[in-house]
Protein backbone atom coordinates (compact mmCIF):
# COMPACT_ATOMS: atom_id res chain seq x y z
CA MET A 1 20.44 -1.30 -26.81
CA ASN A 2 22.45 -1.02 -23.53
CA LYS A 3 20.76 -3.15 -20.82
CA SER A 4 21.29 -0.48 -18.19
CA LEU A 5 18.77 1.78 -19.77
CA GLY A 6 15.15 1.51 -18.94
CA ASN A 7 12.01 0.91 -20.79
CA ASN A 8 10.99 2.97 -23.83
CA VAL A 9 14.28 4.80 -24.08
CA LEU A 10 14.32 7.88 -26.16
CA PHE A 11 17.35 10.07 -27.06
CA VAL A 12 16.65 13.87 -26.57
CA ARG A 13 18.63 17.19 -27.11
CA ASN A 14 17.94 19.10 -23.90
CA GLU A 15 16.05 19.03 -20.57
CA ASP A 16 13.07 20.94 -22.00
CA GLU A 17 12.46 18.52 -24.73
CA ALA A 18 12.79 15.77 -22.07
CA LEU A 19 10.24 17.42 -19.98
CA ARG A 20 7.81 17.76 -22.82
CA GLU A 21 8.09 14.19 -23.40
CA MET A 22 7.88 12.98 -19.82
CA ARG A 23 4.66 14.97 -19.31
CA PHE A 24 3.19 13.69 -22.42
CA ARG A 25 3.71 10.11 -21.33
CA ALA A 26 2.75 10.76 -17.58
CA GLU A 27 -0.28 12.73 -18.90
CA CYS A 28 0.34 15.02 -15.82
CA ASP A 29 3.01 17.62 -14.32
CA VAL A 30 6.66 16.14 -14.09
CA GLN A 31 9.26 17.81 -12.03
CA PRO A 32 12.86 17.23 -10.95
CA VAL A 33 12.56 14.90 -7.81
CA CYS A 34 13.15 16.39 -4.30
CA ALA A 35 15.30 13.67 -2.80
CA LEU A 36 18.22 13.56 -0.54
CA PRO A 37 21.14 15.98 -1.25
CA ASP A 38 23.52 13.29 -2.45
CA CYS A 39 21.33 11.65 -5.05
CA LYS A 40 22.33 12.03 -8.67
CA PRO A 41 20.40 14.96 -10.25
CA ILE A 42 19.03 12.87 -12.92
CA TYR A 43 15.70 11.91 -11.53
CA TYR A 44 12.13 13.35 -12.47
CA ILE A 45 8.80 12.18 -11.03
CA SER A 46 5.30 12.87 -12.02
CA GLU A 47 2.17 13.94 -9.86
CA LYS A 48 1.06 10.24 -10.11
CA GLY A 49 4.35 8.74 -8.98
CA LYS A 50 5.96 7.68 -12.32
CA MET A 51 9.84 8.14 -12.09
CA TYR A 52 11.97 9.07 -15.21
CA VAL A 53 15.54 9.30 -15.55
CA PHE A 54 17.29 12.02 -17.84
CA ARG A 55 21.02 11.92 -18.34
CA PRO A 56 24.00 12.24 -20.44
CA TYR A 57 24.76 9.38 -22.58
CA LYS A 58 27.75 8.82 -25.06
CA GLY A 59 27.63 12.50 -25.99
CA TYR A 60 23.74 12.79 -26.07
CA TYR A 61 21.09 12.89 -23.43
CA VAL A 62 18.92 9.85 -22.83
CA LEU A 63 15.43 9.61 -21.47
CA TYR A 64 13.52 6.58 -19.77
CA GLU A 65 11.24 5.43 -17.23
CA LEU A 66 12.59 3.93 -14.02
CA ALA A 67 10.75 0.88 -12.89
CA PRO A 68 9.78 0.80 -9.02
CA ARG A 69 10.66 -2.20 -6.71
CA MET A 70 7.96 -4.32 -5.20
CA ASN A 71 8.87 -4.41 -1.43
CA ASN A 72 7.28 -7.84 -0.22
CA GLY A 73 3.78 -6.37 0.42
CA ARG A 74 4.75 -2.95 1.46
CA THR A 75 4.29 0.07 -0.79
CA PRO A 76 6.70 0.06 -4.00
CA ILE A 77 10.05 2.17 -3.50
CA TYR A 78 12.32 3.75 -5.94
CA GLU A 79 16.10 3.01 -5.77
CA LEU A 80 18.09 6.20 -6.36
CA GLN A 81 21.96 6.28 -7.09
CA THR A 82 24.06 8.63 -5.10
CA THR A 83 27.09 10.60 -6.23
CA SER A 84 29.27 8.15 -4.18
CA SER A 85 27.68 5.20 -5.97
CA LYS A 86 25.64 4.00 -3.03
CA ARG A 87 21.98 3.75 -3.21
CA HIS A 88 18.77 5.15 -1.39
CA THR A 89 15.50 3.42 -1.23
CA ILE A 90 12.65 5.88 -0.81
CA ASN A 91 8.85 5.38 -0.83
CA ILE A 92 7.11 6.74 -3.87
CA GLU A 93 4.35 8.56 -1.89
CA ARG A 94 7.18 10.48 0.05
CA LEU A 95 8.95 11.53 -3.10
CA VAL A 96 5.69 12.77 -4.67
CA TYR A 97 4.70 14.79 -1.61
CA CYS A 98 8.15 16.37 -1.27
CA THR A 99 8.41 17.26 -4.73
CA PHE A 100 5.04 18.76 -5.39
CA VAL A 101 3.92 19.88 -1.92
CA ALA A 102 6.73 20.48 0.33
CA GLY A 103 9.31 21.70 -2.17
CA LYS A 104 12.12 19.86 -0.46
CA TYR A 105 12.97 16.54 0.96
CA ILE A 106 11.90 15.84 4.47
CA ASP A 107 12.99 12.52 5.74
CA LYS A 108 10.81 12.14 8.70
CA LEU A 109 7.35 12.89 6.86
CA ARG A 110 4.77 10.29 7.63
CA ILE A 111 2.41 10.26 4.37
CA GLU A 112 -0.87 8.57 4.47
CA PHE A 113 -3.38 8.03 1.60
CA LYS A 114 -6.68 9.58 1.76
CA ASP A 115 -8.76 6.96 0.12
CA GLY A 116 -6.81 4.19 1.78
CA ASN A 117 -5.17 2.56 -1.09
CA PRO A 118 -1.41 2.64 -0.66
CA MET A 119 -1.02 2.19 -4.49
CA ASN A 120 -2.68 5.31 -5.35
CA PHE A 121 0.21 7.92 -5.48
CA ASP A 122 -1.63 10.85 -6.95
CA VAL A 123 -0.41 14.11 -5.29
CA ASN A 124 -4.06 14.89 -4.44
CA ASN A 125 -4.47 11.48 -2.65
CA LEU A 126 -1.52 12.34 -0.29
CA GLN A 127 -1.46 14.11 3.21
CA VAL A 128 0.77 14.25 6.05
CA LYS A 129 0.01 12.06 9.15
CA ASP A 130 -0.80 14.20 11.86
CA LEU A 131 -0.67 12.67 15.17
CA LEU A 132 0.44 15.56 17.45
CA ASN A 133 -1.51 17.87 19.49
CA GLU A 134 -1.01 20.21 22.56
CA ASP A 135 -1.54 17.55 25.19
CA CYS A 136 0.67 14.99 23.26
CA ALA A 137 3.61 17.61 22.86
CA ARG A 138 3.55 18.40 26.59
CA ARG A 139 3.63 14.57 27.57
CA MET A 140 6.52 14.11 25.00
CA GLY A 141 8.72 16.12 27.11
CA GLY A 142 8.57 13.40 30.00
CA TYR A 143 9.75 10.64 27.51
CA THR A 144 12.52 12.24 25.80
CA ASP A 145 15.21 10.01 27.54
CA GLU A 146 13.16 6.72 26.82
CA TYR A 147 12.71 7.81 23.12
CA ALA A 148 16.48 8.46 22.70
CA LYS A 149 17.62 5.40 24.69
CA PHE A 150 15.21 2.73 23.31
CA PHE A 151 14.28 3.82 19.82
CA LYS A 152 16.83 1.52 18.24
CA TYR A 153 15.90 -1.31 20.38
CA VAL A 154 12.23 -1.01 19.30
CA ALA A 155 12.75 -0.67 15.75
CA SER A 156 15.18 -3.61 15.63
CA TYR A 157 12.42 -5.77 17.56
CA LEU A 158 9.77 -4.70 15.05
CA ALA A 159 12.03 -5.49 12.00
CA TYR A 160 12.85 -8.93 13.25
CA PHE A 161 9.38 -10.07 14.44
CA LEU A 162 7.35 -8.53 11.73
CA GLY A 163 10.00 -9.40 9.00
CA ILE A 164 10.08 -5.60 7.56
CA ALA A 165 12.85 -3.52 6.41
CA ASP A 166 14.74 -1.41 8.79
CA GLU A 167 13.37 1.84 7.30
CA ASP A 168 9.92 0.73 7.59
CA ALA A 169 10.52 -0.54 11.29
CA ARG A 170 11.71 2.88 12.08
CA ASP A 171 8.81 4.56 10.65
CA VAL A 172 6.57 2.29 12.49
CA ALA A 173 8.41 2.83 15.97
CA GLN A 174 8.01 6.57 15.30
CA ASP A 175 4.41 6.49 14.61
CA ALA A 176 3.69 4.30 17.63
CA PHE A 177 5.53 6.53 19.92
CA LEU A 178 3.46 9.58 18.63
CA ASP A 179 0.25 7.41 18.80
CA MET A 180 0.79 6.62 22.44
CA LEU A 181 1.57 10.15 23.41
CA ALA A 182 -1.61 11.25 21.52
CA HIS A 183 -4.03 8.69 22.79
CA LYS A 184 -2.68 7.71 26.30
CA GLN A 185 -3.70 10.33 28.77
CA GLU A 186 -1.41 8.99 31.72
CA GLN A 187 1.39 11.46 32.62
CA ARG A 188 3.75 8.62 33.18
CA ALA A 189 3.21 4.76 32.14
CA ARG A 190 4.43 2.23 34.28
CA ASP A 191 6.20 0.14 31.60
CA PHE A 192 6.49 2.65 28.73
CA VAL A 193 8.90 0.53 26.47
CA SER A 194 6.68 -2.49 26.70
CA LEU A 195 3.54 -0.43 25.70
CA TRP A 196 5.40 1.28 23.00
CA ILE A 197 6.41 -2.22 21.50
CA TYR A 198 2.93 -3.40 21.87
CA ASP A 199 1.38 -0.40 19.95
CA ALA A 200 3.87 -0.62 17.25
CA MET A 201 3.25 -4.30 16.64
CA GLN A 202 -0.38 -3.64 16.22
CA ILE A 203 0.43 -0.77 13.92
CA GLY A 204 2.80 -2.75 11.95
CA ILE A 205 0.52 -5.88 11.73
CA SER A 206 -2.48 -3.49 10.87
CA LEU A 207 -0.41 -1.62 8.09
CA TRP A 208 0.79 -4.77 6.54
CA LYS A 209 -2.81 -6.10 6.38
CA LYS A 210 -4.13 -2.82 4.69
CA LYS A 211 -1.15 -2.88 2.01
CA THR A 212 -1.54 -6.41 0.96
CA ARG A 213 -5.26 -6.24 0.73
CA PHE A 214 -4.97 -3.88 -2.31
CA GLN A 215 -2.43 -6.27 -3.79
CA CYS A 216 -4.95 -9.30 -3.56
CA ILE A 217 -2.44 -11.23 -1.16
CA ASP A 218 -4.52 -13.11 1.54
CA PHE A 219 -3.33 -12.31 5.05
CA CYS A 220 -2.02 -15.38 6.90
CA GLU A 221 -3.09 -15.41 10.51
CA ARG A 222 -0.09 -16.12 12.88
CA GLU A 223 -0.70 -18.30 15.85
CA PRO A 224 -0.79 -16.75 19.27
CA ARG A 225 2.65 -17.00 21.30
CA ARG A 226 4.73 -18.09 18.46
CA ARG A 227 7.54 -16.33 16.61
CA ASP A 228 6.84 -17.20 13.02
CA VAL A 229 8.01 -14.76 10.44
CA PRO A 230 5.24 -13.42 8.45
CA PHE A 231 4.85 -13.36 4.91
CA GLY A 232 6.65 -9.85 4.34
CA MET A 233 10.04 -11.35 5.18
CA ASP A 234 12.61 -10.80 2.31
CA VAL A 235 14.24 -14.40 2.54
CA LEU A 236 16.27 -13.60 -0.64
CA SER A 237 18.09 -10.63 1.03
CA ILE A 238 20.87 -13.34 2.12
CA LEU A 239 21.67 -13.55 -1.46
CA GLY A 240 22.42 -9.71 -1.68
CA GLU A 241 22.23 -7.91 -4.98
CA THR A 242 23.82 -10.65 -7.35
CA ASN A 243 23.07 -12.12 -10.49
CA MET A 244 22.05 -15.46 -8.69
CA ARG A 245 19.39 -13.55 -6.64
CA LYS A 246 18.04 -11.98 -9.95
CA CYS A 247 17.91 -15.35 -11.75
CA PHE A 248 16.20 -16.88 -8.92
CA ASP A 249 13.90 -14.38 -7.98
CA LEU A 250 12.56 -14.17 -11.57
CA GLN A 251 12.36 -18.13 -11.66
CA ILE A 252 10.03 -18.22 -8.40
CA GLN A 253 7.78 -15.63 -10.22
CA GLY A 254 7.19 -18.06 -13.08
CA ALA A 255 9.84 -16.73 -15.71
CA SER A 256 11.50 -19.20 -18.15
CA MET A 257 15.11 -19.61 -18.69
CA LYS A 258 14.74 -17.59 -21.84
CA GLU A 259 12.79 -14.88 -20.01
CA ILE A 260 15.47 -14.53 -17.46
CA ALA A 261 18.17 -14.10 -19.88
CA GLU A 262 16.33 -11.31 -21.66
CA GLU A 263 15.24 -9.55 -18.63
CA THR A 264 18.86 -9.65 -16.79
CA GLY A 265 21.17 -9.58 -19.90
CA ILE A 266 22.90 -12.69 -18.39
CA PRO A 267 23.99 -15.21 -21.00
CA PHE A 268 21.41 -18.27 -21.23
CA SER A 269 24.07 -20.62 -20.54
CA ALA A 270 24.69 -19.13 -17.19
CA ILE A 271 21.16 -18.88 -15.82
CA GLY A 272 21.16 -22.44 -14.67
CA SER A 273 24.50 -22.27 -12.64
CA HIS A 274 23.29 -18.82 -10.92
CA ILE A 275 19.94 -20.58 -9.82
CA THR A 276 21.82 -23.78 -8.70
CA ARG A 277 24.17 -21.58 -6.46
CA ALA A 278 21.26 -19.36 -5.11
CA LYS A 279 19.21 -22.66 -4.06
CA ARG A 280 22.58 -24.06 -2.34
CA LYS A 281 23.21 -20.70 -0.37
CA LEU A 282 19.56 -20.35 0.63
CA ARG A 283 19.44 -23.99 1.90
CA LYS A 284 22.57 -23.65 3.85
CA TYR A 285 21.21 -20.53 5.37
CA LEU A 286 17.53 -21.79 6.16
CA LEU A 287 19.12 -24.99 7.89
CA THR A 288 20.69 -22.52 10.48
CA ASP A 289 17.13 -22.63 11.89
CA PRO A 290 16.92 -25.56 14.29
CA GLU A 291 13.14 -26.25 13.41
CA ILE A 292 13.67 -26.18 9.59
CA ALA A 293 16.84 -28.30 10.02
CA ARG A 294 14.98 -30.88 12.16
CA ILE A 295 12.20 -31.15 9.30
CA TYR A 296 14.22 -31.02 6.15
CA ALA A 297 17.92 -31.65 6.85
């Protein structure tokens, strides 16, 4: 079987047959996903967040389930291919809400979970996070220039100090901006950007605590006034989307050499060299940090 195909592969004759099978497997409704316009039209999602792929394959049609990616303590995401061979990573809850409620993809939607569990993607558990009110909208006009000028700066600051993905950092920065305008009554803050960053850091840390709580990961408190990178940092990102990252990532999760070969489709004889090169590259990268270099060099 082709390693590029997902789990429980099934060959089908047409879309109707594929939908019947997807709905049977999901035990709920399944629809073509509402995603960005340049995503390939091969993705289907259930009301509970299961993603399926239905596409042509060697003169037939193939159907299989798409596995989500765990995003270092944040909610899982799906990685969708585009028509230009690029990829979009999108949170599961956004895809479910856009598909079954909005009926179209809306990039700026902020979705929250009614029961507080960020792993419950059932469409009935999702709602739009509404922070706006009339007073908030009125005050927003006074901060239009600051928002346009400093948004990228605030998001970059959050991504670095919280160790989160750029997309998540932008979402937190936007939430913090609306939260300030909704709850701060002053017409003009003396140091708006500093307050914005402070609020965003609190929201980001609180969100991270909540999401990791449902994955049974103990929250590691950070010492005050230190710039330690929290648990959520994706250290392996320096390796890129390469075979050495796949092999090393699986090894640190406890997989054996044989299991890594079966999971990735990489020859067993090449696994060791991929892991060795990954360790060498990571060591070289981490030693650029003066504190780490002082201890371990």
